[in-house]
């Protein structure tokens, strides 16, 4: 599996495979497990998902860092990838983190679809 390199590429793959709703459900499931109040409808537009996730991750980094770390653990985002990010700008960092989160969620959905 080749991981998408941009948000748009990820969404295109998900929609082309008819797995967008499964991706949204996986995001909802993992955020619920992390006790973060976030629940997308299956028909939520990708741009809205990106915007809400960006705002949520930014807020977690700024105000609830332990919950942010817990979310990364539950989603299973690579620690190596997180450490490579530049943390000097929290706004830019949160944008990069949402892509890593969505990328990992996409991996889970894609593997479950292919081998489940």
PDB file of N, CA and C in Angstrom:
ATOM      1  N   UNK A   1       0.830  -1.183   0.000  1.00  0.00           N
ATOM      2  CA  UNK A   1       0.000   0.000   0.000  1.00  0.00           C
ATOM      3  C   UNK A   1       0.875   1.247   0.000  1.00  0.00           C
ATOM      4  N   UNK A   2       0.590   2.149  -0.908  1.00  0.00           N
ATOM      5  CA  UNK A   2       1.272   3.432  -0.967  1.00  0.00           C
ATOM      6  C   UNK A   2       0.412   4.451  -0.233  1.00  0.00           C
ATOM      7  N   UNK A   3       0.986   5.074   0.793  1.00  0.00           N
ATOM      8  CA  UNK A   3       0.236   6.054   1.573  1.00  0.00           C
ATOM      9  C   UNK A   3       0.074   7.347   0.787  1.00  0.00           C
ATOM     10  N   UNK A   4      -1.100   7.949   0.857  1.00  0.00           N
ATOM     11  CA  UNK A   4      -1.318   9.249   0.205  1.00  0.00           C
ATOM     12  C   UNK A   4      -0.385  10.303   0.799  1.00  0.00           C
ATOM     13  N   UNK A   5       0.077  11.217  -0.036  1.00  0.00           N
ATOM     14  CA  UNK A   5       1.032  12.225   0.404  1.00  0.00           C
ATOM     15  C   UNK A   5       0.401  13.578   0.706  1.00  0.00           C
ATOM     16  N   UNK A   6      -0.867  13.758   0.334  1.00  0.00           N
ATOM     17  CA  UNK A   6      -1.570  15.013   0.626  1.00  0.00           C
ATOM     18  C   UNK A   6      -2.974  14.687   1.121  1.00  0.00           C
ATOM     19  N   UNK A   7      -3.584  15.663   1.737  1.00  0.00           N
ATOM     20  CA  UNK A   7      -4.961  15.500   2.205  1.00  0.00           C
ATOM     21  C   UNK A   7      -5.889  15.210   1.031  1.00  0.00           C
ATOM     22  N   UNK A   8      -5.726  15.952  -0.049  1.00  0.00           N
ATOM     23  CA  UNK A   8      -6.587  15.785  -1.214  1.00  0.00           C
ATOM     24  C   UNK A   8      -6.427  14.386  -1.814  1.00  0.00           C
ATOM     25  N   UNK A   9      -5.198  13.902  -1.873  1.00  0.00           N
ATOM     26  CA  UNK A   9      -4.920  12.559  -2.388  1.00  0.00           C
ATOM     27  C   UNK A   9      -5.591  11.499  -1.512  1.00  0.00           C
ATOM     28  N   UNK A  10      -5.516  11.683  -0.212  1.00  0.00           N
ATOM     29  CA  UNK A  10      -6.140  10.751   0.724  1.00  0.00           C
ATOM     30  C   UNK A  10      -7.647  10.704   0.520  1.00  0.00           C
ATOM     31  N   UNK A  11      -8.268  11.863   0.413  1.00  0.00           N
ATOM     32  CA  UNK A  11      -9.721  11.927   0.225  1.00  0.00           C
ATOM     33  C   UNK A  11     -10.106  11.326  -1.121  1.00  0.00           C
ATOM     34  N   UNK A  12      -9.316  11.611  -2.162  1.00  0.00           N
ATOM     35  CA  UNK A  12      -9.593  11.035  -3.488  1.00  0.00           C
ATOM     36  C   UNK A  12      -9.551   9.512  -3.442  1.00  0.00           C
ATOM     37  N   UNK A  13      -8.553   8.951  -2.760  1.00  0.00           N
ATOM     38  CA  UNK A  13      -8.453   7.487  -2.626  1.00  0.00           C
ATOM     39  C   UNK A  13      -9.656   6.931  -1.872  1.00  0.00           C
ATOM     40  N   UNK A  14     -10.020   7.602  -0.786  1.00  0.00           N
ATOM     41  CA  UNK A  14     -11.135   7.129   0.038  1.00  0.00           C
ATOM     42  C   UNK A  14     -12.441   7.161  -0.746  1.00  0.00           C
ATOM     43  N   UNK A  15     -12.669   8.242  -1.473  1.00  0.00           N
ATOM     44  CA  UNK A  15     -13.909   8.353  -2.242  1.00  0.00           C
ATOM     45  C   UNK A  15     -13.921   7.398  -3.434  1.00  0.00           C
ATOM     46  N   UNK A  16     -12.779   7.223  -4.091  1.00  0.00           N
ATOM     47  CA  UNK A  16     -12.707   6.319  -5.237  1.00  0.00           C
ATOM     48  C   UNK A  16     -12.950   4.870  -4.822  1.00  0.00           C
ATOM     49  N   UNK A  17     -12.575   4.535  -3.606  1.00  0.00           N
ATOM     50  CA  UNK A  17     -12.747   3.172  -3.091  1.00  0.00           C
ATOM     51  C   UNK A  17     -14.072   2.997  -2.356  1.00  0.00           C
ATOM     52  N   UNK A  18     -14.900   4.029  -2.328  1.00  0.00           N
ATOM     53  CA  UNK A  18     -16.157   4.025  -1.570  1.00  0.00           C
ATOM     54  C   UNK A  18     -15.914   3.729  -0.088  1.00  0.00           C
ATOM     55  N   UNK A  19     -14.823   4.273   0.436  1.00  0.00           N
ATOM     56  CA  UNK A  19     -14.473   4.040   1.841  1.00  0.00           C
ATOM     57  C   UNK A  19     -14.479   5.323   2.672  1.00  0.00           C
ATOM     58  N   UNK A  20     -14.970   6.409   2.109  1.00  0.00           N
ATOM     59  CA  UNK A  20     -14.978   7.676   2.843  1.00  0.00           C
ATOM     60  C   UNK A  20     -15.806   7.573   4.124  1.00  0.00           C
ATOM     61  N   UNK A  21     -16.977   6.961   4.030  1.00  0.00           N
ATOM     62  CA  UNK A  21     -17.816   6.841   5.235  1.00  0.00           C
ATOM     63  C   UNK A  21     -17.143   5.961   6.286  1.00  0.00           C
ATOM     64  N   UNK A  22     -16.437   4.932   5.839  1.00  0.00           N
ATOM     65  CA  UNK A  22     -15.710   4.082   6.791  1.00  0.00           C
ATOM     66  C   UNK A  22     -14.562   4.862   7.448  1.00  0.00           C
ATOM     67  N   UNK A  23     -13.924   5.739   6.683  1.00  0.00           N
ATOM     68  CA  UNK A  23     -12.868   6.588   7.234  1.00  0.00           C
ATOM     69  C   UNK A  23     -13.441   7.512   8.305  1.00  0.00           C
ATOM     70  N   UNK A  24     -14.572   8.128   8.019  1.00  0.00           N
ATOM     71  CA  UNK A  24     -15.226   9.014   8.988  1.00  0.00           C
ATOM     72  C   UNK A  24     -15.623   8.224  10.237  1.00  0.00           C
ATOM     73  N   UNK A  25     -16.153   7.031  10.054  1.00  0.00           N
ATOM     74  CA  UNK A  25     -16.539   6.195  11.200  1.00  0.00           C
ATOM     75  C   UNK A  25     -15.328   5.814  12.039  1.00  0.00           C
ATOM     76  N   UNK A  26     -14.195   5.540  11.406  1.00  0.00           N
ATOM     77  CA  UNK A  26     -12.976   5.192  12.136  1.00  0.00           C
ATOM     78  C   UNK A  26     -12.472   6.395  12.935  1.00  0.00           C
ATOM     79  N   UNK A  27     -12.509   7.567  12.334  1.00  0.00           N
ATOM     80  CA  UNK A  27     -12.113   8.787  13.045  1.00  0.00           C
ATOM     81  C   UNK A  27     -13.021   8.989  14.259  1.00  0.00           C
ATOM     82  N   UNK A  28     -14.322   8.866  14.054  1.00  0.00           N
ATOM     83  CA  UNK A  28     -15.273   9.011  15.171  1.00  0.00           C
ATOM     84  C   UNK A  28     -14.978   8.012  16.283  1.00  0.00           C
ATOM     85  N   UNK A  29     -14.716   6.781  15.911  1.00  0.00           N
ATOM     86  CA  UNK A  29     -14.466   5.714  16.882  1.00  0.00           C
ATOM     87  C   UNK A  29     -13.229   6.015  17.724  1.00  0.00           C
ATOM     88  N   UNK A  30     -12.131   6.409  17.066  1.00  0.00           N
ATOM     89  CA  UNK A  30     -10.892   6.645  17.812  1.00  0.00           C
ATOM     90  C   UNK A  30     -10.967   7.906  18.668  1.00  0.00           C
ATOM     91  N   UNK A  31     -11.652   8.935  18.183  1.00  0.00           N
ATOM     92  CA  UNK A  31     -11.807  10.135  19.010  1.00  0.00           C
ATOM     93  C   UNK A  31     -12.684   9.837  20.228  1.00  0.00           C
ATOM     94  N   UNK A  32     -13.693   9.010  20.047  1.00  0.00           N
ATOM     95  CA  UNK A  32     -14.534   8.607  21.174  1.00  0.00           C
ATOM     96  C   UNK A  32     -13.713   7.819  22.196  1.00  0.00           C
ATOM     97  N   UNK A  33     -12.874   6.898  21.721  1.00  0.00           N
ATOM     98  CA  UNK A  33     -12.012   6.134  22.630  1.00  0.00           C
ATOM     99  C   UNK A  33     -11.055   7.035  23.403  1.00  0.00           C
ATOM    100  N   UNK A  34     -10.672   8.164  22.785  1.00  0.00           N
ATOM    101  CA  UNK A  34      -9.770   9.112  23.444  1.00  0.00           C
ATOM    102  C   UNK A  34     -10.521  10.130  24.300  1.00  0.00           C
ATOM    103  N   UNK A  35     -11.837   9.948  24.432  1.00  0.00           N
ATOM    104  CA  UNK A  35     -12.684  10.855  25.222  1.00  0.00           C
ATOM    105  C   UNK A  35     -12.640  12.292  24.716  1.00  0.00           C
ATOM    106  N   UNK A  36     -12.603  12.428  23.393  1.00  0.00           N
ATOM    107  CA  UNK A  36     -12.632  13.749  22.771  1.00  0.00           C
ATOM    108  C   UNK A  36     -13.978  13.891  22.080  1.00  0.00           C
ATOM    109  N   UNK A  37     -14.696  14.939  22.457  1.00  0.00           N
ATOM    110  CA  UNK A  37     -16.050  15.155  21.969  1.00  0.00           C
ATOM    111  C   UNK A  37     -16.020  15.630  20.517  1.00  0.00           C
ATOM    112  N   UNK A  38     -16.117  14.682  19.616  1.00  0.00           N
ATOM    113  CA  UNK A  38     -16.096  14.976  18.190  1.00  0.00           C
ATOM    114  C   UNK A  38     -16.857  13.865  17.491  1.00  0.00           C
ATOM    115  N   UNK A  39     -17.834  14.241  16.693  1.00  0.00           N
ATOM    116  CA  UNK A  39     -18.636  13.230  16.017  1.00  0.00           C
ATOM    117  C   UNK A  39     -19.085  13.777  14.667  1.00  0.00           C
ATOM    118  N   UNK A  40     -18.484  13.255  13.603  1.00  0.00           N
ATOM    119  CA  UNK A  40     -18.833  13.675  12.253  1.00  0.00           C
ATOM    120  C   UNK A  40     -19.969  12.818  11.715  1.00  0.00           C
ATOM    121  N   UNK A  41     -20.861  13.435  10.938  1.00  0.00           N
ATOM    122  CA  UNK A  41     -21.838  12.670  10.178  1.00  0.00           C
ATOM    123  C   UNK A  41     -21.121  12.051   8.990  1.00  0.00           C
ATOM    124  N   UNK A  42     -21.660  10.951   8.481  1.00  0.00           N
ATOM    125  CA  UNK A  42     -21.019  10.260   7.361  1.00  0.00           C
ATOM    126  C   UNK A  42     -20.996  11.096   6.087  1.00  0.00           C
ATOM    127  N   UNK A  43     -21.896  12.074   5.989  1.00  0.00           N
ATOM    128  CA  UNK A  43     -21.937  12.898   4.780  1.00  0.00           C
ATOM    129  C   UNK A  43     -21.250  14.254   4.963  1.00  0.00           C
ATOM    130  N   UNK A  44     -20.446  14.387   6.006  1.00  0.00           N
ATOM    131  CA  UNK A  44     -19.694  15.619   6.234  1.00  0.00           C
ATOM    132  C   UNK A  44     -18.677  15.812   5.118  1.00  0.00           C
ATOM    133  N   UNK A  45     -18.605  17.012   4.596  1.00  0.00           N
ATOM    134  CA  UNK A  45     -17.666  17.322   3.524  1.00  0.00           C
ATOM    135  C   UNK A  45     -16.225  17.210   4.012  1.00  0.00           C
ATOM    136  N   UNK A  46     -15.323  16.733   3.161  1.00  0.00           N
ATOM    137  CA  UNK A  46     -13.911  16.615   3.556  1.00  0.00           C
ATOM    138  C   UNK A  46     -13.312  17.929   4.049  1.00  0.00           C
ATOM    139  N   UNK A  47     -13.676  19.039   3.423  1.00  0.00           N
ATOM    140  CA  UNK A  47     -13.133  20.332   3.859  1.00  0.00           C
ATOM    141  C   UNK A  47     -13.583  20.661   5.286  1.00  0.00           C
ATOM    142  N   UNK A  48     -14.803  20.297   5.628  1.00  0.00           N
ATOM    143  CA  UNK A  48     -15.299  20.521   6.990  1.00  0.00           C
ATOM    144  C   UNK A  48     -14.584  19.614   7.987  1.00  0.00           C
ATOM    145  N   UNK A  49     -14.358  18.371   7.587  1.00  0.00           N
ATOM    146  CA  UNK A  49     -13.626  17.434   8.451  1.00  0.00           C
ATOM    147  C   UNK A  49     -12.237  17.993   8.744  1.00  0.00           C
ATOM    148  N   UNK A  50     -11.560  18.453   7.705  1.00  0.00           N
ATOM    149  CA  UNK A  50     -10.209  18.998   7.867  1.00  0.00           C
ATOM    150  C   UNK A  50     -10.212  20.209   8.786  1.00  0.00           C
ATOM    151  N   UNK A  51     -11.161  21.097   8.597  1.00  0.00           N
ATOM    152  CA  UNK A  51     -11.246  22.321   9.393  1.00  0.00           C
ATOM    153  C   UNK A  51     -11.515  22.004  10.872  1.00  0.00           C
ATOM    154  N   UNK A  52     -12.476  21.144  11.140  1.00  0.00           N
ATOM    155  CA  UNK A  52     -12.829  20.797  12.522  1.00  0.00           C
ATOM    156  C   UNK A  52     -11.681  20.032  13.190  1.00  0.00           C
ATOM    157  N   UNK A  53     -11.070  19.110  12.463  1.00  0.00           N
ATOM    158  CA  UNK A  53      -9.933  18.383  13.032  1.00  0.00           C
ATOM    159  C   UNK A  53      -8.780  19.334  13.348  1.00  0.00           C
ATOM    160  N   UNK A  54      -8.518  20.261  12.448  1.00  0.00           N
ATOM    161  CA  UNK A  54      -7.434  21.225  12.661  1.00  0.00           C
ATOM    162  C   UNK A  54      -7.677  22.033  13.929  1.00  0.00           C
ATOM    163  N   UNK A  55      -8.890  22.529  14.071  1.00  0.00           N
ATOM    164  CA  UNK A  55      -9.255  23.308  15.252  1.00  0.00           C
ATOM    165  C   UNK A  55      -9.147  22.458  16.523  1.00  0.00           C
ATOM    166  N   UNK A  56      -9.622  21.214  16.451  1.00  0.00           N
ATOM    167  CA  UNK A  56      -9.608  20.323  17.615  1.00  0.00           C
ATOM    168  C   UNK A  56      -8.191  19.972  18.031  1.00  0.00           C
ATOM    169  N   UNK A  57      -7.356  19.593  17.076  1.00  0.00           N
ATOM    170  CA  UNK A  57      -5.969  19.231  17.399  1.00  0.00           C
ATOM    171  C   UNK A  57      -5.212  20.438  17.940  1.00  0.00           C
ATOM    172  N   UNK A  58      -5.432  21.602  17.333  1.00  0.00           N
ATOM    173  CA  UNK A  58      -4.775  22.824  17.813  1.00  0.00           C
ATOM    174  C   UNK A  58      -5.151  23.086  19.271  1.00  0.00           C
ATOM    175  N   UNK A  59      -6.447  22.982  19.572  1.00  0.00           N
ATOM    176  CA  UNK A  59      -6.921  23.207  20.940  1.00  0.00           C
ATOM    177  C   UNK A  59      -6.321  22.178  21.909  1.00  0.00           C
ATOM    178  N   UNK A  60      -6.236  20.916  21.469  1.00  0.00           N
ATOM    179  CA  UNK A  60      -5.651  19.877  22.324  1.00  0.00           C
ATOM    180  C   UNK A  60      -4.179  20.179  22.617  1.00  0.00           C
ATOM    181  N   UNK A  61      -3.439  20.581  21.606  1.00  0.00           N
ATOM    182  CA  UNK A  61      -2.012  20.893  21.800  1.00  0.00           C
ATOM    183  C   UNK A  61      -1.852  22.050  22.784  1.00  0.00           C
ATOM    184  N   UNK A  62      -2.701  23.066  22.639  1.00  0.00           N
ATOM    185  CA  UNK A  62      -2.594  24.267  23.470  1.00  0.00           C
ATOM    186  C   UNK A  62      -3.109  24.073  24.896  1.00  0.00           C
ATOM    187  N   UNK A  63      -4.225  23.328  25.044  1.00  0.00           N
ATOM    188  CA  UNK A  63      -4.917  23.313  26.332  1.00  0.00           C
ATOM    189  C   UNK A  63      -4.968  21.963  27.032  1.00  0.00           C
ATOM    190  N   UNK A  64      -4.916  20.877  26.280  1.00  0.00           N
ATOM    191  CA  UNK A  64      -5.071  19.535  26.867  1.00  0.00           C
ATOM    192  C   UNK A  64      -4.036  18.585  26.257  1.00  0.00           C
ATOM    193  N   UNK A  65      -2.776  18.856  26.553  1.00  0.00           N
ATOM    194  CA  UNK A  65      -1.697  18.124  25.904  1.00  0.00           C
ATOM    195  C   UNK A  65      -1.722  16.629  26.227  1.00  0.00           C
ATOM    196  N   UNK A  66      -2.094  16.266  27.431  1.00  0.00           N
ATOM    197  CA  UNK A  66      -2.174  14.838  27.794  1.00  0.00           C
ATOM    198  C   UNK A  66      -3.233  14.130  26.939  1.00  0.00           C
ATOM    199  N   UNK A  67      -4.358  14.795  26.686  1.00  0.00           N
ATOM    200  CA  UNK A  67      -5.397  14.219  25.825  1.00  0.00           C
ATOM    201  C   UNK A  67      -4.913  14.102  24.381  1.00  0.00           C
ATOM    202  N   UNK A  68      -4.122  15.074  23.956  1.00  0.00           N
ATOM    203  CA  UNK A  68      -3.520  15.038  22.612  1.00  0.00           C
ATOM    204  C   UNK A  68      -2.613  13.809  22.477  1.00  0.00           C
ATOM    205  N   UNK A  69      -1.765  13.590  23.461  1.00  0.00           N
ATOM    206  CA  UNK A  69      -0.869  12.425  23.430  1.00  0.00           C
ATOM    207  C   UNK A  69      -1.655  11.122  23.474  1.00  0.00           C
ATOM    208  N   UNK A  70      -2.715  11.087  24.266  1.00  0.00           N
ATOM    209  CA  UNK A  70      -3.575   9.914  24.347  1.00  0.00           C
ATOM    210  C   UNK A  70      -4.219   9.620  22.992  1.00  0.00           C
ATOM    211  N   UNK A  71      -4.682  10.660  22.313  1.00  0.00           N
ATOM    212  CA  UNK A  71      -5.268  10.494  20.987  1.00  0.00           C
ATOM    213  C   UNK A  71      -4.251   9.905  20.014  1.00  0.00           C
ATOM    214  N   UNK A  72      -3.037  10.437  20.020  1.00  0.00           N
ATOM    215  CA  UNK A  72      -1.997   9.912  19.123  1.00  0.00           C
ATOM    216  C   UNK A  72      -1.723   8.439  19.416  1.00  0.00           C
ATOM    217  N   UNK A  73      -1.756   8.069  20.684  1.00  0.00           N
ATOM    218  CA  UNK A  73      -1.551   6.680  21.075  1.00  0.00           C
ATOM    219  C   UNK A  73      -2.694   5.792  20.575  1.00  0.00           C
ATOM    220  N   UNK A  74      -3.921   6.244  20.758  1.00  0.00           N
ATOM    221  CA  UNK A  74      -5.092   5.451  20.351  1.00  0.00           C
ATOM    222  C   UNK A  74      -5.152   5.296  18.838  1.00  0.00           C
ATOM    223  N   UNK A  75      -4.880   6.392  18.128  1.00  0.00           N
ATOM    224  CA  UNK A  75      -4.887   6.324  16.664  1.00  0.00           C
ATOM    225  C   UNK A  75      -3.692   5.510  16.166  1.00  0.00           C
ATOM    226  N   UNK A  76      -2.631   5.479  16.956  1.00  0.00           N
ATOM    227  CA  UNK A  76      -1.409   4.752  16.632  1.00  0.00           C
ATOM    228  C   UNK A  76      -0.591   5.481  15.566  1.00  0.00           C
ATOM    229  N   UNK A  77      -0.462   6.798  15.760  1.00  0.00           N
ATOM    230  CA  UNK A  77       0.377   7.602  14.872  1.00  0.00           C
ATOM    231  C   UNK A  77       1.832   7.324  15.238  1.00  0.00           C
ATOM    232  N   UNK A  78       2.665   7.153  14.233  1.00  0.00           N
ATOM    233  CA  UNK A  78       4.071   6.836  14.437  1.00  0.00           C
ATOM    234  C   UNK A  78       4.776   7.928  15.246  1.00  0.00           C
ATOM    235  N   UNK A  79       5.401   7.519  16.323  1.00  0.00           N
ATOM    236  CA  UNK A  79       6.151   8.456  17.155  1.00  0.00           C
ATOM    237  C   UNK A  79       7.305   9.066  16.370  1.00  0.00           C
ATOM    238  N   UNK A  80       7.910   8.283  15.502  1.00  0.00           N
ATOM    239  CA  UNK A  80       9.021   8.767  14.676  1.00  0.00           C
ATOM    240  C   UNK A  80       8.548   9.912  13.775  1.00  0.00           C
ATOM    241  N   UNK A  81       7.370   9.758  13.173  1.00  0.00           N
ATOM    242  CA  UNK A  81       6.831  10.814  12.310  1.00  0.00           C
ATOM    243  C   UNK A  81       6.497  12.068  13.108  1.00  0.00           C
ATOM    244  N   UNK A  82       5.951  11.893  14.296  1.00  0.00           N
ATOM    245  CA  UNK A  82       5.616  13.041  15.140  1.00  0.00           C
ATOM    246  C   UNK A  82       6.887  13.791  15.543  1.00  0.00           C
ATOM    247  N   UNK A  83       7.929  13.066  15.891  1.00  0.00           N
ATOM    248  CA  UNK A  83       9.179  13.709  16.318  1.00  0.00           C
ATOM    249  C   UNK A  83       9.844  14.486  15.189  1.00  0.00           C
ATOM    250  N   UNK A  84       9.589  14.107  13.952  1.00  0.00           N
ATOM    251  CA  UNK A  84      10.180  14.801  12.801  1.00  0.00           C
ATOM    252  C   UNK A  84       9.523  16.147  12.524  1.00  0.00           C
ATOM    253  N   UNK A  85       8.343  16.384  13.098  1.00  0.00           N
ATOM    254  CA  UNK A  85       7.627  17.626  12.841  1.00  0.00           C
ATOM    255  C   UNK A  85       8.240  18.780  13.624  1.00  0.00           C
ATOM    256  N   UNK A  86       8.157  19.971  13.054  1.00  0.00           N
ATOM    257  CA  UNK A  86       8.646  21.179  13.703  1.00  0.00           C
ATOM    258  C   UNK A  86       7.567  21.701  14.640  1.00  0.00           C
ATOM    259  N   UNK A  87       7.843  21.708  15.927  1.00  0.00           N
ATOM    260  CA  UNK A  87       6.858  22.111  16.915  1.00  0.00           C
ATOM    261  C   UNK A  87       6.906  23.580  17.285  1.00  0.00           C
ATOM    262  N   UNK A  88       7.666  24.387  16.553  1.00  0.00           N
ATOM    263  CA  UNK A  88       7.797  25.799  16.914  1.00  0.00           C
ATOM    264  C   UNK A  88       6.536  26.610  16.626  1.00  0.00           C
ATOM    265  N   UNK A  89       5.718  26.153  15.692  1.00  0.00           N
ATOM    266  CA  UNK A  89       4.468  26.844  15.350  1.00  0.00           C
ATOM    267  C   UNK A  89       3.318  25.860  15.558  1.00  0.00           C
ATOM    268  N   UNK A  90       2.537  26.072  16.611  1.00  0.00           N
ATOM    269  CA  UNK A  90       1.473  25.124  16.973  1.00  0.00           C
ATOM    270  C   UNK A  90       0.402  25.022  15.890  1.00  0.00           C
ATOM    271  N   UNK A  91       0.139  26.113  15.187  1.00  0.00           N
ATOM    272  CA  UNK A  91      -0.864  26.082  14.128  1.00  0.00           C
ATOM    273  C   UNK A  91      -0.410  25.184  12.977  1.00  0.00           C
ATOM    274  N   UNK A  92       0.828  25.354  12.570  1.00  0.00           N
ATOM    275  CA  UNK A  92       1.393  24.515  11.489  1.00  0.00           C
ATOM    276  C   UNK A  92       1.527  23.064  11.960  1.00  0.00           C
ATOM    277  N   UNK A  93       1.943  22.871  13.204  1.00  0.00           N
ATOM    278  CA  UNK A  93       2.076  21.531  13.763  1.00  0.00           C
ATOM    279  C   UNK A  93       0.737  20.807  13.760  1.00  0.00           C
ATOM    280  N   UNK A  94      -0.325  21.480  14.175  1.00  0.00           N
ATOM    281  CA  UNK A  94      -1.639  20.837  14.220  1.00  0.00           C
ATOM    282  C   UNK A  94      -2.105  20.447  12.820  1.00  0.00           C
ATOM    283  N   UNK A  95      -1.771  21.255  11.822  1.00  0.00           N
ATOM    284  CA  UNK A  95      -2.129  20.923  10.440  1.00  0.00           C
ATOM    285  C   UNK A  95      -1.403  19.654   9.978  1.00  0.00           C
ATOM    286  N   UNK A  96      -0.146  19.537  10.333  1.00  0.00           N
ATOM    287  CA  UNK A  96       0.629  18.350   9.963  1.00  0.00           C
ATOM    288  C   UNK A  96       0.144  17.118  10.724  1.00  0.00           C
ATOM    289  N   UNK A  97      -0.233  17.296  11.978  1.00  0.00           N
ATOM    290  CA  UNK A  97      -0.702  16.185  12.807  1.00  0.00           C
ATOM    291  C   UNK A  97      -2.038  15.648  12.291  1.00  0.00           C
ATOM    292  N   UNK A  98      -2.947  16.531  11.866  1.00  0.00           N
ATOM    293  CA  UNK A  98      -4.227  16.007  11.366  1.00  0.00           C
ATOM    294  C   UNK A  98      -4.011  15.153  10.130  1.00  0.00           C
ATOM    295  N   UNK A  99      -3.026  15.519   9.314  1.00  0.00           N
ATOM    296  CA  UNK A  99      -2.762  14.681   8.155  1.00  0.00           C
ATOM    297  C   UNK A  99      -2.216  13.323   8.590  1.00  0.00           C
ATOM    298  N   UNK A 100      -1.323  13.296   9.563  1.00  0.00           N
ATOM    299  CA  UNK A 100      -0.791  12.015  10.049  1.00  0.00           C
ATOM    300  C   UNK A 100      -1.895  11.164  10.675  1.00  0.00           C
ATOM    301  N   UNK A 101      -2.798  11.804  11.399  1.00  0.00           N
ATOM    302  CA  UNK A 101      -3.926  11.088  11.999  1.00  0.00           C
ATOM    303  C   UNK A 101      -4.799  10.495  10.901  1.00  0.00           C
ATOM    304  N   UNK A 102      -5.172  11.316   9.929  1.00  0.00           N
ATOM    305  CA  UNK A 102      -6.022  10.828   8.836  1.00  0.00           C
ATOM    306  C   UNK A 102      -5.314   9.758   8.003  1.00  0.00           C
ATOM    307  N   UNK A 103      -4.028   9.912   7.821  1.00  0.00           N
ATOM    308  CA  UNK A 103      -3.260   8.924   7.073  1.00  0.00           C
ATOM    309  C   UNK A 103      -3.291   7.571   7.789  1.00  0.00           C
ATOM    310  N   UNK A 104      -3.121   7.589   9.099  1.00  0.00           N
ATOM    311  CA  UNK A 104      -3.144   6.339   9.876  1.00  0.00           C
ATOM    312  C   UNK A 104      -4.549   5.739   9.899  1.00  0.00           C
ATOM    313  N   UNK A 105      -5.554   6.594  10.034  1.00  0.00           N
ATOM    314  CA  UNK A 105      -6.936   6.106  10.003  1.00  0.00           C
ATOM    315  C   UNK A 105      -7.240   5.484   8.640  1.00  0.00           C
ATOM    316  N   UNK A 106      -6.746   6.097   7.579  1.00  0.00           N
ATOM    317  CA  UNK A 106      -6.946   5.559   6.235  1.00  0.00           C
ATOM    318  C   UNK A 106      -6.283   4.181   6.113  1.00  0.00           C
ATOM    319  N   UNK A 107      -5.090   4.040   6.677  1.00  0.00           N
ATOM    320  CA  UNK A 107      -4.412   2.735   6.662  1.00  0.00           C
ATOM    321  C   UNK A 107      -5.278   1.666   7.309  1.00  0.00           C
ATOM    322  N   UNK A 108      -5.829   1.976   8.466  1.00  0.00           N
ATOM    323  CA  UNK A 108      -6.673   1.011   9.182  1.00  0.00           C
ATOM    324  C   UNK A 108      -7.869   0.603   8.329  1.00  0.00           C
ATOM    325  N   UNK A 109      -8.540   1.600   7.747  1.00  0.00           N
ATOM    326  CA  UNK A 109      -9.732   1.331   6.937  1.00  0.00           C
ATOM    327  C   UNK A 109      -9.363   0.522   5.693  1.00  0.00           C
ATOM    328  N   UNK A 110      -8.301   0.905   5.018  1.00  0.00           N
ATOM    329  CA  UNK A 110      -7.895   0.248   3.782  1.00  0.00           C
ATOM    330  C   UNK A 110      -7.505  -1.213   4.046  1.00  0.00           C
ATOM    331  N   UNK A 111      -6.711  -1.448   5.089  1.00  0.00           N
ATOM    332  CA  UNK A 111      -6.318  -2.824   5.396  1.00  0.00           C
ATOM    333  C   UNK A 111      -7.517  -3.680   5.781  1.00  0.00           C
ATOM    334  N   UNK A 112      -8.427  -3.120   6.555  1.00  0.00           N
ATOM    335  CA  UNK A 112      -9.634  -3.851   6.939  1.00  0.00           C
ATOM    336  C   UNK A 112     -10.465  -4.192   5.696  1.00  0.00           C
ATOM    337  N   UNK A 113     -10.541  -3.269   4.760  1.00  0.00           N
ATOM    338  CA  UNK A 113     -11.288  -3.490   3.520  1.00  0.00           C
ATOM    339  C   UNK A 113     -10.607  -4.543   2.651  1.00  0.00           C
ATOM    340  N   UNK A 114      -9.292  -4.489   2.542  1.00  0.00           N
ATOM    341  CA  UNK A 114      -8.555  -5.407   1.684  1.00  0.00           C
ATOM    342  C   UNK A 114      -8.474  -6.822   2.262  1.00  0.00           C
ATOM    343  N   UNK A 115      -8.305  -6.930   3.568  1.00  0.00           N
ATOM    344  CA  UNK A 115      -8.015  -8.228   4.166  1.00  0.00           C
ATOM    345  C   UNK A 115      -9.064  -8.698   5.173  1.00  0.00           C
ATOM    346  N   UNK A 116     -10.106  -7.904   5.367  1.00  0.00           N
ATOM    347  CA  UNK A 116     -11.085  -8.231   6.403  1.00  0.00           C
ATOM    348  C   UNK A 116     -12.201  -9.108   5.992  1.00  0.00           C
TER     349      UNK A 116
END
